[in-house]
C-alpha atoms as a PDB file:
ATOM      1  CA  MET A   1    -100.971-124.288 -82.962  1.00  0.00           C
ATOM      2  CA  GLN A   2    -104.145-124.428 -85.033  1.00  0.00           C
ATOM      3  CA  SER A   3    -105.539-127.828 -86.024  1.00  0.00           C
ATOM      4  CA  LEU A   4    -108.240-129.366 -88.160  1.00  0.00           C
ATOM      5  CA  THR A   5    -109.596-132.919 -88.280  1.00  0.00           C
ATOM      6  CA  PHE A   6    -110.609-133.677 -91.851  1.00  0.00           C
ATOM      7  CA  THR A   7    -111.301-136.325 -94.442  1.00  0.00           C
ATOM      8  CA  PRO A   8    -108.950-136.083 -97.446  1.00  0.00           C
ATOM      9  CA  GLY A   9    -110.712-134.485-100.372  1.00  0.00           C
ATOM     10  CA  ARG A  10    -112.035-131.442 -98.533  1.00  0.00           C
ATOM     11  CA  ALA A  11    -110.111-129.320 -96.031  1.00  0.00           C
ATOM     12  CA  PHE A  12    -109.158-125.711 -95.347  1.00  0.00           C
ATOM     13  CA  LEU A  13    -106.986-124.432 -92.508  1.00  0.00           C
ATOM     14  CA  SER A  14    -105.670-120.867 -92.476  1.00  0.00           C
ATOM     15  CA  SER A  15    -103.317-119.562 -89.802  1.00  0.00           C
ATOM     16  CA  ASP A  16    -102.128-115.963 -89.449  1.00  0.00           C
ATOM     17  CA  SER A  17     -98.752-115.166 -87.970  1.00  0.00           C
ATOM     18  CA  HIS A  18     -98.648-112.571 -85.217  1.00  0.00           C
ATOM     19  CA  THR A  19     -95.979-111.004 -87.451  1.00  0.00           C
ATOM     20  CA  VAL A  20     -97.978-109.108 -90.048  1.00  0.00           C
ATOM     21  CA  PRO A  21     -98.604-109.808 -92.942  1.00  0.00           C
ATOM     22  CA  TRP A  22     -97.791-113.550 -93.096  1.00  0.00           C
ATOM     23  CA  THR A  23    -100.366-116.329 -93.385  1.00  0.00           C
ATOM     24  CA  ALA A  24     -99.969-120.069 -93.958  1.00  0.00           C
ATOM     25  CA  VAL A  25    -102.821-122.053 -95.533  1.00  0.00           C
ATOM     26  CA  PHE A  26    -103.403-125.778 -95.917  1.00  0.00           C
ATOM     27  CA  GLU A  27    -106.039-126.581 -98.532  1.00  0.00           C
ATOM     28  CA  ASP A  28    -107.406-129.779-100.068  1.00  0.00           C
ATOM     29  CA  GLU A  29    -110.021-129.217-102.772  1.00  0.00           C
ATOM     30  CA  GLY A  30    -110.438-132.849-103.778  1.00  0.00           C
ATOM     31  CA  VAL A  31    -107.501-133.834-105.945  1.00  0.00           C
ATOM     32  CA  ALA A  32    -104.530-132.757-103.833  1.00  0.00           C
ATOM     33  CA  GLY A  33    -103.471-131.070-100.621  1.00  0.00           C
ATOM     34  CA  TYR A  34    -101.325-127.922-100.870  1.00  0.00           C
ATOM     35  CA  PHE A  35     -99.580-125.663 -98.366  1.00  0.00           C
ATOM     36  CA  TYR A  36     -99.460-121.946 -99.261  1.00  0.00           C
ATOM     37  CA  ALA A  37     -97.335-119.040 -98.040  1.00  0.00           C
ATOM     38  CA  CYS A  38     -99.399-115.859 -98.256  1.00  0.00           C
ATOM     39  CA  ASP A  39     -98.955-112.133 -97.797  1.00  0.00           C
ATOM     40  CA  ARG A  40    -102.259-110.810 -96.473  1.00  0.00           C
ATOM     41  CA  SER A  41    -101.310-107.200 -97.223  1.00  0.00           C
ATOM     42  CA  GLN A  42    -101.936-107.864-100.925  1.00  0.00           C
ATOM     43  CA  GLN A  43    -105.376-106.895-102.238  1.00  0.00           C
ATOM     44  CA  ASN A  44    -105.357-109.343-105.157  1.00  0.00           C
ATOM     45  CA  HIS A  45    -105.743-113.029-104.174  1.00  0.00           C
ATOM     46  CA  ASP A  46    -103.269-114.244-106.824  1.00  0.00           C
ATOM     47  CA  GLN A  47    -100.635-111.725-105.709  1.00  0.00           C
ATOM     48  CA  SER A  48    -101.063-112.727-102.076  1.00  0.00           C
ATOM     49  CA  ILE A  49     -99.790-116.278-102.751  1.00  0.00           C
ATOM     50  CA  LEU A  50     -96.014-116.222-102.426  1.00  0.00           C
ATOM     51  CA  ASP A  51     -95.433-119.964-102.780  1.00  0.00           C
ATOM     52  CA  ALA A  52     -97.292-123.273-102.926  1.00  0.00           C
ATOM     53  CA  MET A  53     -96.115-126.814-102.192  1.00  0.00           C
ATOM     54  CA  LEU A  54     -97.771-130.144-102.941  1.00  0.00           C
ATOM     55  CA  ILE A  55     -98.343-132.112 -99.752  1.00  0.00           C
ATOM     56  CA  TYR A  56    -100.215-135.120-101.149  1.00  0.00           C
ATOM     57  CA  ASN A  57    -102.445-136.445-103.881  1.00  0.00           C
ATOM     58  CA  VAL A  58    -105.769-137.678-102.500  1.00  0.00           C
ATOM     59  CA  SER A  59    -105.591-140.857-104.587  1.00  0.00           C
ATOM     60  CA  ALA A  60    -102.206-141.728-103.034  1.00  0.00           C
ATOM     61  CA  LEU A  61    -103.652-141.269 -99.533  1.00  0.00           C
ATOM     62  CA  ALA A  62    -106.583-143.515-100.462  1.00  0.00           C
ATOM     63  CA  ARG A  63    -104.157-146.265-101.557  1.00  0.00           C
ATOM     64  CA  ASP A  64    -102.216-145.869 -98.291  1.00  0.00           C
ATOM     65  CA  ASN A  65    -105.486-146.120 -96.323  1.00  0.00           C
ATOM     66  CA  VAL A  66    -106.488-149.307 -98.162  1.00  0.00           C
ATOM     67  CA  SER A  67    -103.121-150.901 -97.345  1.00  0.00           C
ATOM     68  CA  ALA A  68    -103.325-149.823 -93.705  1.00  0.00           C
ATOM     69  CA  LEU A  69    -106.936-150.971 -93.426  1.00  0.00           C
ATOM     70  CA  ALA A  70    -106.106-154.349 -94.895  1.00  0.00           C
ATOM     71  CA  ARG A  71    -103.391-154.838 -92.250  1.00  0.00           C
ATOM     72  CA  ASP A  72    -105.664-153.543 -89.440  1.00  0.00           C
ATOM     73  CA  ASN A  73    -108.637-155.621 -90.540  1.00  0.00           C
ATOM     74  CA  VAL A  74    -106.581-158.820 -90.696  1.00  0.00           C
ATOM     75  CA  SER A  75    -105.392-158.109 -87.154  1.00  0.00           C
ATOM     76  CA  ALA A  76    -108.914-157.197 -86.010  1.00  0.00           C
ATOM     77  CA  LEU A  77    -110.427-160.314 -87.548  1.00  0.00           C
ATOM     78  CA  ALA A  78    -107.761-162.462 -85.931  1.00  0.00           C
ATOM     79  CA  ALA A  79    -108.636-160.842 -82.605  1.00  0.00           C
ATOM     80  CA  GLY A  80    -112.371-161.197 -83.252  1.00  0.00           C
ATOM     81  CA  GLU A  81    -112.981-157.432 -83.609  1.00  0.00           C
ATOM     82  CA  GLY A  82    -114.995-155.672 -86.318  1.00  0.00           C
ATOM     83  CA  GLY A  83    -113.147-153.399 -88.714  1.00  0.00           C
ATOM     84  CA  GLU A  84    -115.949-150.910 -89.497  1.00  0.00           C
ATOM     85  CA  ALA A  85    -115.016-148.373 -86.827  1.00  0.00           C
ATOM     86  CA  LYS A  86    -111.357-148.594 -87.781  1.00  0.00           C
ATOM     87  CA  GLN A  87    -112.261-148.014 -91.430  1.00  0.00           C
ATOM     88  CA  ARG A  88    -114.128-144.794 -90.611  1.00  0.00           C
ATOM     89  CA  ILE A  89    -111.332-143.532 -88.355  1.00  0.00           C
ATOM     90  CA  ALA A  90    -108.456-144.469 -90.675  1.00  0.00           C
ATOM     91  CA  SER A  91    -109.651-142.109 -93.402  1.00  0.00           C
ATOM     92  CA  ARG A  92    -109.648-139.080 -91.069  1.00  0.00           C
ATOM     93  CA  ARG A  93    -106.516-136.950 -90.744  1.00  0.00           C
ATOM     94  CA  ILE A  94    -105.334-134.138 -88.508  1.00  0.00           C
ATOM     95  CA  ALA A  95    -103.675-131.083 -90.060  1.00  0.00           C
ATOM     96  CA  SER A  96    -101.902-128.576 -87.814  1.00  0.00           C
ATOM     97  CA  ILE A  97     -99.998-125.375 -88.477  1.00  0.00           C
ATOM     98  CA  GLU A  98     -97.484-124.168 -85.921  1.00  0.00           C
ATOM     99  CA  TRP A  99     -95.657-120.831 -86.010  1.00  0.00           C
ATOM    100  CA  SER A 100     -92.208-120.069 -84.664  1.00  0.00           C
ATOM    101  CA  ARG A 101     -91.982-117.667 -81.737  1.00  0.00           C
ATOM    102  CA  ASP A 102     -90.900-114.821 -84.039  1.00  0.00           C
ATOM    103  CA  GLY A 103     -93.775-115.535 -86.442  1.00  0.00           C
ATOM    104  CA  MET A 104     -91.447-115.948 -89.413  1.00  0.00           C
ATOM    105  CA  LYS A 105     -91.672-119.737 -89.880  1.00  0.00           C
ATOM    106  CA  ALA A 106     -94.704-121.986 -90.218  1.00  0.00           C
ATOM    107  CA  VAL A 107     -94.753-125.795 -90.209  1.00  0.00           C
ATOM    108  CA  LEU A 108     -97.560-128.001 -91.499  1.00  0.00           C
ATOM    109  CA  TYR A 109     -98.035-131.279 -89.642  1.00  0.00           C
ATOM    110  CA  LEU A 110    -100.232-134.115 -90.903  1.00  0.00           C
ATOM    111  CA  ASP A 111    -101.100-136.641 -88.229  1.00  0.00           C
ATOM    112  CA  GLY A 112     -98.275-135.227 -86.091  1.00  0.00           C
ATOM    113  CA  VAL A 113     -95.566-135.547 -88.768  1.00  0.00           C
ATOM    114  CA  ALA A 114     -93.980-132.414 -90.246  1.00  0.00           C
ATOM    115  CA  GLN A 115     -94.685-132.288 -93.988  1.00  0.00           C
ATOM    116  CA  ALA A 116     -93.680-128.764 -95.002  1.00  0.00           C
ATOM    117  CA  MET A 117     -92.238-125.529 -93.674  1.00  0.00           C
ATOM    118  CA  PHE A 118     -92.171-121.931 -94.879  1.00  0.00           C
ATOM    119  CA  ASP A 119     -89.405-119.576 -93.795  1.00  0.00           C
ATOM    120  CA  PHE A 120     -90.744-116.085 -94.491  1.00  0.00           C
ATOM    121  CA  ALA A 121     -87.463-114.406 -93.477  1.00  0.00           C
ATOM    122  CA  ALA A 122     -85.377-116.531 -95.881  1.00  0.00           C
ATOM    123  CA  ARG A 123     -88.249-116.457 -98.428  1.00  0.00           C
ATOM    124  CA  CYS A 124     -88.244-120.181 -99.105  1.00  0.00           C
ATOM    125  CA  GLY A 125     -90.213-123.339 -98.466  1.00  0.00           C
ATOM    126  CA  TYR A 126     -89.314-126.940 -97.703  1.00  0.00           C
ATOM    127  CA  CYS A 127     -91.500-129.999 -98.216  1.00  0.00           C
ATOM    128  CA  ARG A 128     -91.107-133.740 -98.282  1.00  0.00           C
ATOM    129  CA  SER A 129     -92.391-133.989-101.876  1.00  0.00           C
ATOM    130  CA  ASN A 130     -89.986-131.256-103.151  1.00  0.00           C
ATOM    131  CA  PHE A 131     -92.699-130.247-105.614  1.00  0.00           C
ATOM    132  CA  PRO A 132     -93.404-128.088-107.523  1.00  0.00           C
ATOM    133  CA  ASN A 133     -90.165-126.373-108.500  1.00  0.00           C
ATOM    134  CA  PHE A 134     -89.953-123.449-110.919  1.00  0.00           C
ATOM    135  CA  LEU A 135     -87.175-121.773-112.842  1.00  0.00           C
ATOM    136  CA  ALA A 136     -85.969-118.657-111.065  1.00  0.00           C
ATOM    137  CA  GLU A 137     -87.295-115.469-112.639  1.00  0.00           C
ATOM    138  CA  GLN A 138     -85.455-112.176-112.692  1.00  0.00           C
ATOM    139  CA  GLY A 139     -86.556-109.883-109.882  1.00  0.00           C
ATOM    140  CA  GLU A 140     -88.268-112.684-107.960  1.00  0.00           C
ATOM    141  CA  ASN A 141     -87.728-112.375-104.221  1.00  0.00           C
ATOM    142  CA  TRP A 142     -89.041-115.813-103.152  1.00  0.00           C
ATOM    143  CA  ASN A 143     -87.036-118.976-103.866  1.00  0.00           C
ATOM    144  CA  ARG A 144     -89.331-121.412-105.685  1.00  0.00           C
ATOM    145  CA  SER A 145     -86.634-123.275-107.620  1.00  0.00           C
ATOM    146  CA  SER A 146     -86.303-125.923-104.898  1.00  0.00           C
ATOM    147  CA  HIS A 147     -88.572-127.112-102.116  1.00  0.00           C
ATOM    148  CA  ALA A 148     -86.255-129.895-100.921  1.00  0.00           C
ATOM    149  CA  TRP A 149     -86.883-130.933 -97.320  1.00  0.00           C
ATOM    150  CA  SER A 150     -84.230-129.737 -94.860  1.00  0.00           C
ATOM    151  CA  ASP A 151     -83.814-131.675 -91.621  1.00  0.00           C
ATOM    152  CA  ALA A 152     -81.464-128.927 -90.393  1.00  0.00           C
ATOM    153  CA  ALA A 153     -84.038-126.149 -90.962  1.00  0.00           C
ATOM    154  CA  PHE A 154     -86.767-128.185 -89.267  1.00  0.00           C
ATOM    155  CA  GLU A 155     -84.516-129.048 -86.304  1.00  0.00           C
ATOM    156  CA  GLN A 156     -83.746-125.321 -85.874  1.00  0.00           C
ATOM    157  CA  PHE A 157     -87.486-124.579 -85.926  1.00  0.00           C
ATOM    158  CA  GLU A 158     -88.232-127.195 -83.257  1.00  0.00           C
ATOM    159  CA  ALA A 159     -85.260-126.251 -81.069  1.00  0.00           C
ATOM    160  CA  ALA A 160     -86.323-122.588 -81.056  1.00  0.00           C
ATOM    161  CA  LEU A 161     -89.785-123.533 -79.754  1.00  0.00           C
ATOM    162  CA  TYR A 162     -88.331-124.803 -76.489  1.00  0.00           C
ATOM    163  CA  VAL A 163     -85.864-122.062 -75.545  1.00  0.00           C
END
């Protein structure tokens, strides 16, 4: 599993499968965080991206942090503790990408919670936001018409890690 500690608004984590040519990339360039399925055998960058899924909007994370900080700071003040250290820590996140044993599935975790998964064998992706979705195009070999989260697919992924 490859991991990265980051502050929302700027992050990049790329992880290659041992099964060539698959790569999974988590990227946050300031406005939003995306998870990409890539084929590293492609010479052209645009052609190498098979699928992309929205993981979060930075502004939504900032609102969540403010709410969490308000709760933490009230508790800290009641206990006589300062909230400055908690404020710095609360804005940091941990992104991790884990591959299945066969190298055909990749899961993105944020702060230990699965947010998205690519299944390179089935040529589809699942994410909690189920966004974006595109109309199916003729001849397309990757399913991008739905990114709905699948508990069953994720449970299969996790179960296969421990056999």
